[in-house]
Amino acid sequence: MKSWVRVTGFIGLTLMAAFLLPYIFKLPQLDITLILMGGLGLAAFDFFSSNKGE
């Protein structure tokens, strides 16, 4: 069951990245791009640092 939590978390992180990456690469404004990258980075940090699935 714990690996199921990790798999679903990874799917969610992948879907979030798939949603945000086109905006990150195509927006000309640096400030909004940094905010989007920060949000994606915080989600990735939370996924890799959480111990719920282990």
PDB file of N, CA and C in Angstrom:
ATOM      1  N   MET A   1       0.825  -1.198   0.000  1.00  0.00           N
ATOM      2  CA  MET A   1       0.000   0.000   0.000  1.00  0.00           C
ATOM      3  C   MET A   1       0.865   1.257   0.000  1.00  0.00           C
ATOM      4  N   LYS A   2       2.031   1.192   0.644  1.00  0.00           N
ATOM      5  CA  LYS A   2       2.867   2.384   0.717  1.00  0.00           C
ATOM      6  C   LYS A   2       3.452   2.738  -0.644  1.00  0.00           C
ATOM      7  N   SER A   3       3.750   1.723  -1.445  1.00  0.00           N
ATOM      8  CA  SER A   3       4.270   2.031  -2.778  1.00  0.00           C
ATOM      9  C   SER A   3       3.182   2.658  -3.642  1.00  0.00           C
ATOM     10  N   TRP A   4       1.913   2.329  -3.368  1.00  0.00           N
ATOM     11  CA  TRP A   4       0.798   2.926  -4.097  1.00  0.00           C
ATOM     12  C   TRP A   4       0.755   4.437  -3.850  1.00  0.00           C
ATOM     13  N   VAL A   5       1.055   4.853  -2.642  1.00  0.00           N
ATOM     14  CA  VAL A   5       1.082   6.282  -2.310  1.00  0.00           C
ATOM     15  C   VAL A   5       2.193   6.977  -3.093  1.00  0.00           C
ATOM     16  N   ARG A   6       3.343   6.335  -3.202  1.00  0.00           N
ATOM     17  CA  ARG A   6       4.446   6.927  -3.954  1.00  0.00           C
ATOM     18  C   ARG A   6       4.123   7.017  -5.446  1.00  0.00           C
ATOM     19  N   VAL A   7       3.480   5.975  -5.984  1.00  0.00           N
ATOM     20  CA  VAL A   7       3.143   5.970  -7.407  1.00  0.00           C
ATOM     21  C   VAL A   7       2.130   7.064  -7.721  1.00  0.00           C
ATOM     22  N   THR A   8       1.100   7.184  -6.910  1.00  0.00           N
ATOM     23  CA  THR A   8       0.095   8.215  -7.161  1.00  0.00           C
ATOM     24  C   THR A   8       0.675   9.617  -6.963  1.00  0.00           C
ATOM     25  N   GLY A   9       1.582   9.770  -6.011  1.00  0.00           N
ATOM     26  CA  GLY A   9       2.250  11.053  -5.829  1.00  0.00           C
ATOM     27  C   GLY A   9       3.118  11.407  -7.019  1.00  0.00           C
ATOM     28  N   PHE A  10       3.801  10.415  -7.575  1.00  0.00           N
ATOM     29  CA  PHE A  10       4.631  10.658  -8.752  1.00  0.00           C
ATOM     30  C   PHE A  10       3.777  10.995  -9.965  1.00  0.00           C
ATOM     31  N   ILE A  11       2.636  10.338 -10.100  1.00  0.00           N
ATOM     32  CA  ILE A  11       1.724  10.660 -11.203  1.00  0.00           C
ATOM     33  C   ILE A  11       1.229  12.096 -11.069  1.00  0.00           C
ATOM     34  N   GLY A  12       0.873  12.496  -9.854  1.00  0.00           N
ATOM     35  CA  GLY A  12       0.427  13.869  -9.633  1.00  0.00           C
ATOM     36  C   GLY A  12       1.512  14.883  -9.927  1.00  0.00           C
ATOM     37  N   LEU A  13       2.738  14.588  -9.514  1.00  0.00           N
ATOM     38  CA  LEU A  13       3.853  15.497  -9.789  1.00  0.00           C
ATOM     39  C   LEU A  13       4.127  15.592 -11.288  1.00  0.00           C
ATOM     40  N   THR A  14       4.034  14.468 -11.981  1.00  0.00           N
ATOM     41  CA  THR A  14       4.234  14.461 -13.428  1.00  0.00           C
ATOM     42  C   THR A  14       3.156  15.263 -14.141  1.00  0.00           C
ATOM     43  N   LEU A  15       1.907  15.112 -13.713  1.00  0.00           N
ATOM     44  CA  LEU A  15       0.825  15.868 -14.333  1.00  0.00           C
ATOM     45  C   LEU A  15       0.959  17.364 -14.061  1.00  0.00           C
ATOM     46  N   MET A  16       1.396  17.713 -12.865  1.00  0.00           N
ATOM     47  CA  MET A  16       1.605  19.122 -12.551  1.00  0.00           C
ATOM     48  C   MET A  16       2.730  19.700 -13.418  1.00  0.00           C
ATOM     49  N   ALA A  17       3.803  18.945 -13.577  1.00  0.00           N
ATOM     50  CA  ALA A  17       4.902  19.398 -14.425  1.00  0.00           C
ATOM     51  C   ALA A  17       4.454  19.521 -15.881  1.00  0.00           C
ATOM     52  N   ALA A  18       3.659  18.560 -16.348  1.00  0.00           N
ATOM     53  CA  ALA A  18       3.171  18.614 -17.726  1.00  0.00           C
ATOM     54  C   ALA A  18       2.274  19.828 -17.943  1.00  0.00           C
ATOM     55  N   PHE A  19       1.563  20.234 -16.910  1.00  0.00           N
ATOM     56  CA  PHE A  19       0.700  21.407 -17.018  1.00  0.00           C
ATOM     57  C   PHE A  19       1.507  22.704 -16.985  1.00  0.00           C
ATOM     58  N   LEU A  20       2.524  22.788 -16.147  1.00  0.00           N
ATOM     59  CA  LEU A  20       3.248  24.045 -15.953  1.00  0.00           C
ATOM     60  C   LEU A  20       4.411  24.258 -16.921  1.00  0.00           C
ATOM     61  N   LEU A  21       5.034  23.200 -17.415  1.00  0.00           N
ATOM     62  CA  LEU A  21       6.224  23.376 -18.249  1.00  0.00           C
ATOM     63  C   LEU A  21       5.986  24.178 -19.524  1.00  0.00           C
ATOM     64  N   PRO A  22       4.870  24.023 -20.242  1.00  0.00           N
ATOM     65  CA  PRO A  22       4.677  24.901 -21.410  1.00  0.00           C
ATOM     66  C   PRO A  22       4.638  26.383 -21.042  1.00  0.00           C
ATOM     67  N   TYR A  23       4.033  26.705 -19.910  1.00  0.00           N
ATOM     68  CA  TYR A  23       4.012  28.102 -19.467  1.00  0.00           C
ATOM     69  C   TYR A  23       5.406  28.581 -19.088  1.00  0.00           C
ATOM     70  N   ILE A  24       6.170  27.719 -18.433  1.00  0.00           N
ATOM     71  CA  ILE A  24       7.516  28.103 -18.008  1.00  0.00           C
ATOM     72  C   ILE A  24       8.393  28.402 -19.216  1.00  0.00           C
ATOM     73  N   PHE A  25       8.279  27.587 -20.277  1.00  0.00           N
ATOM     74  CA  PHE A  25       9.145  27.779 -21.441  1.00  0.00           C
ATOM     75  C   PHE A  25       8.671  28.887 -22.375  1.00  0.00           C
ATOM     76  N   LYS A  26       7.380  29.204 -22.374  1.00  0.00           N
ATOM     77  CA  LYS A  26       6.870  30.147 -23.371  1.00  0.00           C
ATOM     78  C   LYS A  26       6.593  31.549 -22.840  1.00  0.00           C
ATOM     79  N   LEU A  27       6.498  31.730 -21.536  1.00  0.00           N
ATOM     80  CA  LEU A  27       6.199  33.068 -21.014  1.00  0.00           C
ATOM     81  C   LEU A  27       7.418  33.974 -21.107  1.00  0.00           C
ATOM     82  N   PRO A  28       7.242  35.176 -21.604  1.00  0.00           N
ATOM     83  CA  PRO A  28       8.387  36.072 -21.711  1.00  0.00           C
ATOM     84  C   PRO A  28       8.711  36.792 -20.392  1.00  0.00           C
ATOM     85  N   GLN A  29       7.767  36.834 -19.451  1.00  0.00           N
ATOM     86  CA  GLN A  29       8.006  37.548 -18.198  1.00  0.00           C
ATOM     87  C   GLN A  29       8.820  36.671 -17.250  1.00  0.00           C
ATOM     88  N   LEU A  30       9.939  37.191 -16.796  1.00  0.00           N
ATOM     89  CA  LEU A  30      10.821  36.438 -15.919  1.00  0.00           C
ATOM     90  C   LEU A  30      10.202  36.214 -14.549  1.00  0.00           C
ATOM     91  N   ASP A  31       9.486  37.211 -14.024  1.00  0.00           N
ATOM     92  CA  ASP A  31       8.957  37.085 -12.672  1.00  0.00           C
ATOM     93  C   ASP A  31       7.905  35.975 -12.570  1.00  0.00           C
ATOM     94  N   ILE A  32       7.014  35.885 -13.539  1.00  0.00           N
ATOM     95  CA  ILE A  32       5.995  34.835 -13.504  1.00  0.00           C
ATOM     96  C   ILE A  32       6.639  33.470 -13.732  1.00  0.00           C
ATOM     97  N   THR A  33       7.637  33.426 -14.598  1.00  0.00           N
ATOM     98  CA  THR A  33       8.340  32.167 -14.839  1.00  0.00           C
ATOM     99  C   THR A  33       9.019  31.677 -13.563  1.00  0.00           C
ATOM    100  N   LEU A  34       9.632  32.581 -12.819  1.00  0.00           N
ATOM    101  CA  LEU A  34      10.277  32.185 -11.557  1.00  0.00           C
ATOM    102  C   LEU A  34       9.262  31.706 -10.525  1.00  0.00           C
ATOM    103  N   ILE A  35       8.101  32.317 -10.486  1.00  0.00           N
ATOM    104  CA  ILE A  35       7.056  31.881  -9.558  1.00  0.00           C
ATOM    105  C   ILE A  35       6.577  30.482  -9.918  1.00  0.00           C
ATOM    106  N   LEU A  36       6.366  30.226 -11.205  1.00  0.00           N
ATOM    107  CA  LEU A  36       5.944  28.892 -11.636  1.00  0.00           C
ATOM    108  C   LEU A  36       7.017  27.846 -11.351  1.00  0.00           C
ATOM    109  N   MET A  37       8.274  28.191 -11.606  1.00  0.00           N
ATOM    110  CA  MET A  37       9.364  27.259 -11.319  1.00  0.00           C
ATOM    111  C   MET A  37       9.494  27.007  -9.826  1.00  0.00           C
ATOM    112  N   GLY A  38       9.261  28.034  -9.023  1.00  0.00           N
ATOM    113  CA  GLY A  38       9.300  27.854  -7.575  1.00  0.00           C
ATOM    114  C   GLY A  38       8.195  26.937  -7.083  1.00  0.00           C
ATOM    115  N   GLY A  39       7.004  27.087  -7.634  1.00  0.00           N
ATOM    116  CA  GLY A  39       5.903  26.207  -7.253  1.00  0.00           C
ATOM    117  C   GLY A  39       6.159  24.765  -7.634  1.00  0.00           C
ATOM    118  N   LEU A  40       6.686  24.559  -8.819  1.00  0.00           N
ATOM    119  CA  LEU A  40       7.016  23.205  -9.261  1.00  0.00           C
ATOM    120  C   LEU A  40       8.162  22.631  -8.430  1.00  0.00           C
ATOM    121  N   GLY A  41       9.118  23.467  -8.111  1.00  0.00           N
ATOM    122  CA  GLY A  41      10.234  23.020  -7.270  1.00  0.00           C
ATOM    123  C   GLY A  41       9.794  22.645  -5.867  1.00  0.00           C
ATOM    124  N   LEU A  42       8.874  23.424  -5.296  1.00  0.00           N
ATOM    125  CA  LEU A  42       8.367  23.084  -3.965  1.00  0.00           C
ATOM    126  C   LEU A  42       7.579  21.780  -3.974  1.00  0.00           C
ATOM    127  N   ALA A  43       6.804  21.550  -5.027  1.00  0.00           N
ATOM    128  CA  ALA A  43       6.066  20.286  -5.135  1.00  0.00           C
ATOM    129  C   ALA A  43       7.031  19.111  -5.274  1.00  0.00           C
ATOM    130  N   ALA A  44       8.079  19.273  -6.065  1.00  0.00           N
ATOM    131  CA  ALA A  44       9.069  18.205  -6.218  1.00  0.00           C
ATOM    132  C   ALA A  44       9.817  17.965  -4.915  1.00  0.00           C
ATOM    133  N   PHE A  45      10.174  19.034  -4.213  1.00  0.00           N
ATOM    134  CA  PHE A  45      10.847  18.892  -2.927  1.00  0.00           C
ATOM    135  C   PHE A  45       9.958  18.158  -1.922  1.00  0.00           C
ATOM    136  N   ASP A  46       8.699  18.494  -1.902  1.00  0.00           N
ATOM    137  CA  ASP A  46       7.770  17.830  -0.996  1.00  0.00           C
ATOM    138  C   ASP A  46       7.638  16.344  -1.333  1.00  0.00           C
ATOM    139  N   PHE A  47       7.582  16.023  -2.618  1.00  0.00           N
ATOM    140  CA  PHE A  47       7.453  14.628  -3.020  1.00  0.00           C
ATOM    141  C   PHE A  47       8.690  13.822  -2.625  1.00  0.00           C
ATOM    142  N   PHE A  48       9.876  14.361  -2.892  1.00  0.00           N
ATOM    143  CA  PHE A  48      11.097  13.617  -2.624  1.00  0.00           C
ATOM    144  C   PHE A  48      11.512  13.623  -1.158  1.00  0.00           C
ATOM    145  N   SER A  49      11.039  14.562  -0.375  1.00  0.00           N
ATOM    146  CA  SER A  49      11.432  14.623   1.025  1.00  0.00           C
ATOM    147  C   SER A  49      10.412  13.997   1.974  1.00  0.00           C
ATOM    148  N   SER A  50       9.215  13.709   1.487  1.00  0.00           N
ATOM    149  CA  SER A  50       8.220  13.130   2.384  1.00  0.00           C
ATOM    150  C   SER A  50       8.501  11.649   2.602  1.00  0.00           C
ATOM    151  N   ASN A  51       8.182  11.169   3.778  1.00  0.00           N
ATOM    152  CA  ASN A  51       8.411   9.769   4.137  1.00  0.00           C
ATOM    153  C   ASN A  51       7.116   8.996   4.270  1.00  0.00           C
ATOM    154  N   LYS A  52       6.027   9.497   3.705  1.00  0.00           N
ATOM    155  CA  LYS A  52       4.742   8.828   3.820  1.00  0.00           C
ATOM    156  C   LYS A  52       4.739   7.473   3.123  1.00  0.00           C
ATOM    157  N   GLY A  53       5.427   7.372   2.004  1.00  0.00           N
ATOM    158  CA  GLY A  53       5.392   6.149   1.222  1.00  0.00           C
ATOM    159  C   GLY A  53       6.452   5.132   1.612  1.00  0.00           C
ATOM    160  N   GLU A  54       7.286   5.448   2.605  1.00  0.00           N
ATOM    161  CA  GLU A  54       8.367   4.525   2.960  1.00  0.00           C
ATOM    162  C   GLU A  54       8.124   3.887   4.292  1.00  0.00           C
TER     163      GLU A  54
END
